[in-house]
């Protein structure tokens, strides 16, 4: 099974953090988690767009 890994270290950390929050049963929406991750990990606009698109595709 192949796993797609984003290139930037901050982006990887953001994806991991969102995943951990969801596993922990966070009541926050995907959108709220992504917004927080963008700020927390200082993602560039391009990285934020990648994050948004990748979650839309998996939903």
PDB file of N, CA and C in Angstrom:
ATOM      1  N   UNK A   1       0.840  -1.179   0.000  1.00  0.00           N
ATOM      2  CA  UNK A   1       0.000   0.000   0.000  1.00  0.00           C
ATOM      3  C   UNK A   1       0.883   1.238   0.000  1.00  0.00           C
ATOM      4  N   UNK A   2       0.616   2.138  -0.915  1.00  0.00           N
ATOM      5  CA  UNK A   2       1.407   3.353  -1.052  1.00  0.00           C
ATOM      6  C   UNK A   2       0.734   4.503  -0.334  1.00  0.00           C
ATOM      7  N   UNK A   3       1.542   5.275   0.403  1.00  0.00           N
ATOM      8  CA  UNK A   3       1.041   6.449   1.102  1.00  0.00           C
ATOM      9  C   UNK A   3       1.629   7.680   0.442  1.00  0.00           C
ATOM     10  N   UNK A   4       0.772   8.646   0.130  1.00  0.00           N
ATOM     11  CA  UNK A   4       1.243   9.892  -0.470  1.00  0.00           C
ATOM     12  C   UNK A   4       1.737  10.792   0.647  1.00  0.00           C
ATOM     13  N   UNK A   5       2.980  11.260   0.533  1.00  0.00           N
ATOM     14  CA  UNK A   5       3.591  12.121   1.532  1.00  0.00           C
ATOM     15  C   UNK A   5       3.798  13.510   0.942  1.00  0.00           C
ATOM     16  N   UNK A   6       3.307  14.549   1.589  1.00  0.00           N
ATOM     17  CA  UNK A   6       3.586  15.904   1.124  1.00  0.00           C
ATOM     18  C   UNK A   6       5.070  16.226   1.292  1.00  0.00           C
ATOM     19  N   UNK A   7       5.581  17.137   0.484  1.00  0.00           N
ATOM     20  CA  UNK A   7       7.015  17.410   0.473  1.00  0.00           C
ATOM     21  C   UNK A   7       7.522  18.248   1.643  1.00  0.00           C
ATOM     22  N   UNK A   8       6.848  19.326   1.996  1.00  0.00           N
ATOM     23  CA  UNK A   8       7.345  20.221   3.033  1.00  0.00           C
ATOM     24  C   UNK A   8       7.221  19.638   4.428  1.00  0.00           C
ATOM     25  N   UNK A   9       8.235  19.870   5.251  1.00  0.00           N
ATOM     26  CA  UNK A   9       8.233  19.359   6.630  1.00  0.00           C
ATOM     27  C   UNK A   9       7.066  19.936   7.433  1.00  0.00           C
ATOM     28  N   UNK A  10       6.805  21.225   7.294  1.00  0.00           N
ATOM     29  CA  UNK A  10       5.690  21.840   8.018  1.00  0.00           C
ATOM     30  C   UNK A  10       4.359  21.258   7.560  1.00  0.00           C
ATOM     31  N   UNK A  11       4.247  20.977   6.279  1.00  0.00           N
ATOM     32  CA  UNK A  11       3.025  20.390   5.750  1.00  0.00           C
ATOM     33  C   UNK A  11       2.831  18.977   6.303  1.00  0.00           C
ATOM     34  N   UNK A  12       3.899  18.215   6.377  1.00  0.00           N
ATOM     35  CA  UNK A  12       3.825  16.860   6.968  1.00  0.00           C
ATOM     36  C   UNK A  12       3.375  16.929   8.420  1.00  0.00           C
ATOM     37  N   UNK A  13       3.938  17.867   9.162  1.00  0.00           N
ATOM     38  CA  UNK A  13       3.553  18.031  10.568  1.00  0.00           C
ATOM     39  C   UNK A  13       2.085  18.426  10.686  1.00  0.00           C
ATOM     40  N   UNK A  14       1.613  19.283   9.796  1.00  0.00           N
ATOM     41  CA  UNK A  14       0.218  19.721   9.825  1.00  0.00           C
ATOM     42  C   UNK A  14      -0.723  18.553   9.554  1.00  0.00           C
ATOM     43  N   UNK A  15      -0.394  17.742   8.559  1.00  0.00           N
ATOM     44  CA  UNK A  15      -1.218  16.577   8.227  1.00  0.00           C
ATOM     45  C   UNK A  15      -1.243  15.602   9.403  1.00  0.00           C
ATOM     46  N   UNK A  16      -0.096  15.389  10.014  1.00  0.00           N
ATOM     47  CA  UNK A  16      -0.014  14.482  11.163  1.00  0.00           C
ATOM     48  C   UNK A  16      -0.841  15.025  12.325  1.00  0.00           C
ATOM     49  N   UNK A  17      -0.740  16.323  12.588  1.00  0.00           N
ATOM     50  CA  UNK A  17      -1.475  16.934  13.683  1.00  0.00           C
ATOM     51  C   UNK A  17      -2.982  16.814  13.462  1.00  0.00           C
ATOM     52  N   UNK A  18      -3.448  17.103  12.242  1.00  0.00           N
ATOM     53  CA  UNK A  18      -4.872  16.987  11.925  1.00  0.00           C
ATOM     54  C   UNK A  18      -5.336  15.552  12.129  1.00  0.00           C
ATOM     55  N   UNK A  19      -4.554  14.614  11.653  1.00  0.00           N
ATOM     56  CA  UNK A  19      -4.893  13.197  11.804  1.00  0.00           C
ATOM     57  C   UNK A  19      -4.993  12.800  13.273  1.00  0.00           C
ATOM     58  N   UNK A  20      -4.053  13.257  14.073  1.00  0.00           N
ATOM     59  CA  UNK A  20      -4.065  12.946  15.507  1.00  0.00           C
ATOM     60  C   UNK A  20      -5.270  13.577  16.203  1.00  0.00           C
ATOM     61  N   UNK A  21      -5.610  14.789  15.808  1.00  0.00           N
ATOM     62  CA  UNK A  21      -6.775  15.462  16.387  1.00  0.00           C
ATOM     63  C   UNK A  21      -8.053  14.695  16.064  1.00  0.00           C
ATOM     64  N   UNK A  22      -8.163  14.219  14.834  1.00  0.00           N
ATOM     65  CA  UNK A  22      -9.346  13.455  14.440  1.00  0.00           C
ATOM     66  C   UNK A  22      -9.420  12.128  15.194  1.00  0.00           C
ATOM     67  N   UNK A  23      -8.292  11.457  15.348  1.00  0.00           N
ATOM     68  CA  UNK A  23      -8.259  10.186  16.076  1.00  0.00           C
ATOM     69  C   UNK A  23      -8.628  10.383  17.544  1.00  0.00           C
ATOM     70  N   UNK A  24      -8.269  11.536  18.090  1.00  0.00           N
ATOM     71  CA  UNK A  24      -8.564  11.832  19.492  1.00  0.00           C
ATOM     72  C   UNK A  24     -10.032  12.222  19.694  1.00  0.00           C
ATOM     73  N   UNK A  25     -10.777  12.328  18.598  1.00  0.00           N
ATOM     74  CA  UNK A  25     -12.197  12.635  18.695  1.00  0.00           C
ATOM     75  C   UNK A  25     -12.508  14.114  18.806  1.00  0.00           C
ATOM     76  N   UNK A  26     -11.680  14.936  18.225  1.00  0.00           N
ATOM     77  CA  UNK A  26     -11.900  16.384  18.265  1.00  0.00           C
ATOM     78  C   UNK A  26     -13.270  16.735  17.691  1.00  0.00           C
ATOM     79  N   UNK A  27     -13.955  17.646  18.340  1.00  0.00           N
ATOM     80  CA  UNK A  27     -15.278  18.084  17.889  1.00  0.00           C
ATOM     81  C   UNK A  27     -15.181  19.153  16.800  1.00  0.00           C
ATOM     82  N   UNK A  28     -13.961  19.566  16.480  1.00  0.00           N
ATOM     83  CA  UNK A  28     -13.758  20.614  15.475  1.00  0.00           C
ATOM     84  C   UNK A  28     -13.988  20.057  14.069  1.00  0.00           C
ATOM     85  N   UNK A  29     -14.450  20.922  13.176  1.00  0.00           N
ATOM     86  CA  UNK A  29     -14.666  20.528  11.781  1.00  0.00           C
ATOM     87  C   UNK A  29     -13.322  20.422  11.062  1.00  0.00           C
ATOM     88  N   UNK A  30     -13.341  19.764   9.887  1.00  0.00           N
ATOM     89  CA  UNK A  30     -12.122  19.685   9.071  1.00  0.00           C
ATOM     90  C   UNK A  30     -11.611  21.078   8.747  1.00  0.00           C
ATOM     91  N   UNK A  31     -12.532  21.961   8.404  1.00  0.00           N
ATOM     92  CA  UNK A  31     -12.134  23.324   8.041  1.00  0.00           C
ATOM     93  C   UNK A  31     -11.425  24.014   9.199  1.00  0.00           C
ATOM     94  N   UNK A  32     -11.975  23.893  10.403  1.00  0.00           N
ATOM     95  CA  UNK A  32     -11.370  24.531  11.578  1.00  0.00           C
ATOM     96  C   UNK A  32     -10.004  23.920  11.869  1.00  0.00           C
ATOM     97  N   UNK A  33      -9.890  22.589  11.767  1.00  0.00           N
ATOM     98  CA  UNK A  33      -8.602  21.938  11.998  1.00  0.00           C
ATOM     99  C   UNK A  33      -7.569  22.394  10.986  1.00  0.00           C
ATOM    100  N   UNK A  34      -7.975  22.528   9.727  1.00  0.00           N
ATOM    101  CA  UNK A  34      -7.037  22.976   8.692  1.00  0.00           C
ATOM    102  C   UNK A  34      -6.604  24.416   8.931  1.00  0.00           C
ATOM    103  N   UNK A  35      -7.544  25.275   9.327  1.00  0.00           N
ATOM    104  CA  UNK A  35      -7.193  26.672   9.621  1.00  0.00           C
ATOM    105  C   UNK A  35      -6.185  26.748  10.761  1.00  0.00           C
ATOM    106  N   UNK A  36      -6.432  25.981  11.817  1.00  0.00           N
ATOM    107  CA  UNK A  36      -5.513  25.974  12.956  1.00  0.00           C
ATOM    108  C   UNK A  36      -4.143  25.425  12.559  1.00  0.00           C
ATOM    109  N   UNK A  37      -4.139  24.369  11.752  1.00  0.00           N
ATOM    110  CA  UNK A  37      -2.877  23.773  11.317  1.00  0.00           C
ATOM    111  C   UNK A  37      -2.073  24.765  10.473  1.00  0.00           C
ATOM    112  N   UNK A  38      -2.749  25.505   9.609  1.00  0.00           N
ATOM    113  CA  UNK A  38      -2.056  26.489   8.762  1.00  0.00           C
ATOM    114  C   UNK A  38      -1.349  27.534   9.612  1.00  0.00           C
ATOM    115  N   UNK A  39      -2.027  27.979  10.660  1.00  0.00           N
ATOM    116  CA  UNK A  39      -1.426  28.979  11.545  1.00  0.00           C
ATOM    117  C   UNK A  39      -0.347  28.368  12.439  1.00  0.00           C
ATOM    118  N   UNK A  40      -0.635  27.210  12.991  1.00  0.00           N
ATOM    119  CA  UNK A  40       0.280  26.562  13.927  1.00  0.00           C
ATOM    120  C   UNK A  40       1.612  26.179  13.275  1.00  0.00           C
ATOM    121  N   UNK A  41       1.536  25.717  12.027  1.00  0.00           N
ATOM    122  CA  UNK A  41       2.744  25.245  11.346  1.00  0.00           C
ATOM    123  C   UNK A  41       3.252  26.229  10.296  1.00  0.00           C
ATOM    124  N   UNK A  42       2.684  27.447  10.298  1.00  0.00           N
ATOM    125  CA  UNK A  42       3.142  28.522   9.424  1.00  0.00           C
ATOM    126  C   UNK A  42       3.234  28.074   7.958  1.00  0.00           C
ATOM    127  N   UNK A  43       2.134  27.520   7.455  1.00  0.00           N
ATOM    128  CA  UNK A  43       2.119  27.033   6.084  1.00  0.00           C
ATOM    129  C   UNK A  43       2.045  28.187   5.099  1.00  0.00           C
ATOM    130  N   UNK A  44       2.685  28.005   3.963  1.00  0.00           N
ATOM    131  CA  UNK A  44       2.612  28.988   2.889  1.00  0.00           C
ATOM    132  C   UNK A  44       1.231  28.889   2.250  1.00  0.00           C
ATOM    133  N   UNK A  45       0.821  29.901   1.491  1.00  0.00           N
ATOM    134  CA  UNK A  45      -0.466  29.811   0.803  1.00  0.00           C
ATOM    135  C   UNK A  45      -0.564  28.572  -0.105  1.00  0.00           C
ATOM    136  N   UNK A  46       0.525  28.222  -0.757  1.00  0.00           N
ATOM    137  CA  UNK A  46       0.525  27.051  -1.631  1.00  0.00           C
ATOM    138  C   UNK A  46       0.330  25.764  -0.811  1.00  0.00           C
ATOM    139  N   UNK A  47       0.988  25.671   0.335  1.00  0.00           N
ATOM    140  CA  UNK A  47       0.838  24.501   1.200  1.00  0.00           C
ATOM    141  C   UNK A  47      -0.582  24.414   1.754  1.00  0.00           C
ATOM    142  N   UNK A  48      -1.147  25.561   2.126  1.00  0.00           N
ATOM    143  CA  UNK A  48      -2.514  25.592   2.648  1.00  0.00           C
ATOM    144  C   UNK A  48      -3.500  25.133   1.575  1.00  0.00           C
ATOM    145  N   UNK A  49      -3.279  25.555   0.350  1.00  0.00           N
ATOM    146  CA  UNK A  49      -4.136  25.141  -0.764  1.00  0.00           C
ATOM    147  C   UNK A  49      -4.016  23.640  -1.002  1.00  0.00           C
ATOM    148  N   UNK A  50      -2.809  23.113  -0.937  1.00  0.00           N
ATOM    149  CA  UNK A  50      -2.594  21.669  -1.091  1.00  0.00           C
ATOM    150  C   UNK A  50      -3.347  20.907  -0.003  1.00  0.00           C
ATOM    151  N   UNK A  51      -3.249  21.385   1.217  1.00  0.00           N
ATOM    152  CA  UNK A  51      -3.914  20.747   2.345  1.00  0.00           C
ATOM    153  C   UNK A  51      -5.433  20.747   2.131  1.00  0.00           C
ATOM    154  N   UNK A  52      -5.973  21.874   1.726  1.00  0.00           N
ATOM    155  CA  UNK A  52      -7.405  21.988   1.490  1.00  0.00           C
ATOM    156  C   UNK A  52      -7.858  21.045   0.382  1.00  0.00           C
ATOM    157  N   UNK A  53      -7.137  21.036  -0.737  1.00  0.00           N
ATOM    158  CA  UNK A  53      -7.504  20.176  -1.857  1.00  0.00           C
ATOM    159  C   UNK A  53      -7.383  18.701  -1.514  1.00  0.00           C
ATOM    160  N   UNK A  54      -6.349  18.335  -0.796  1.00  0.00           N
ATOM    161  CA  UNK A  54      -6.148  16.917  -0.488  1.00  0.00           C
ATOM    162  C   UNK A  54      -7.236  16.392   0.450  1.00  0.00           C
ATOM    163  N   UNK A  55      -7.732  17.223   1.370  1.00  0.00           N
ATOM    164  CA  UNK A  55      -8.820  16.783   2.237  1.00  0.00           C
ATOM    165  C   UNK A  55     -10.144  16.738   1.504  1.00  0.00           C
ATOM    166  N   UNK A  56     -10.344  17.623   0.522  1.00  0.00           N
ATOM    167  CA  UNK A  56     -11.575  17.574  -0.275  1.00  0.00           C
ATOM    168  C   UNK A  56     -11.622  16.302  -1.103  1.00  0.00           C
ATOM    169  N   UNK A  57     -10.457  15.887  -1.642  1.00  0.00           N
ATOM    170  CA  UNK A  57     -10.393  14.700  -2.485  1.00  0.00           C
ATOM    171  C   UNK A  57     -10.624  13.420  -1.693  1.00  0.00           C
ATOM    172  N   UNK A  58     -10.217  13.407  -0.431  1.00  0.00           N
ATOM    173  CA  UNK A  58     -10.363  12.197   0.383  1.00  0.00           C
ATOM    174  C   UNK A  58     -11.724  12.110   1.042  1.00  0.00           C
ATOM    175  N   UNK A  59     -12.475  13.194   1.046  1.00  0.00           N
ATOM    176  CA  UNK A  59     -13.795  13.199   1.711  1.00  0.00           C
ATOM    177  C   UNK A  59     -14.852  12.564   0.841  1.00  0.00           C
TER     178      UNK A  59
END
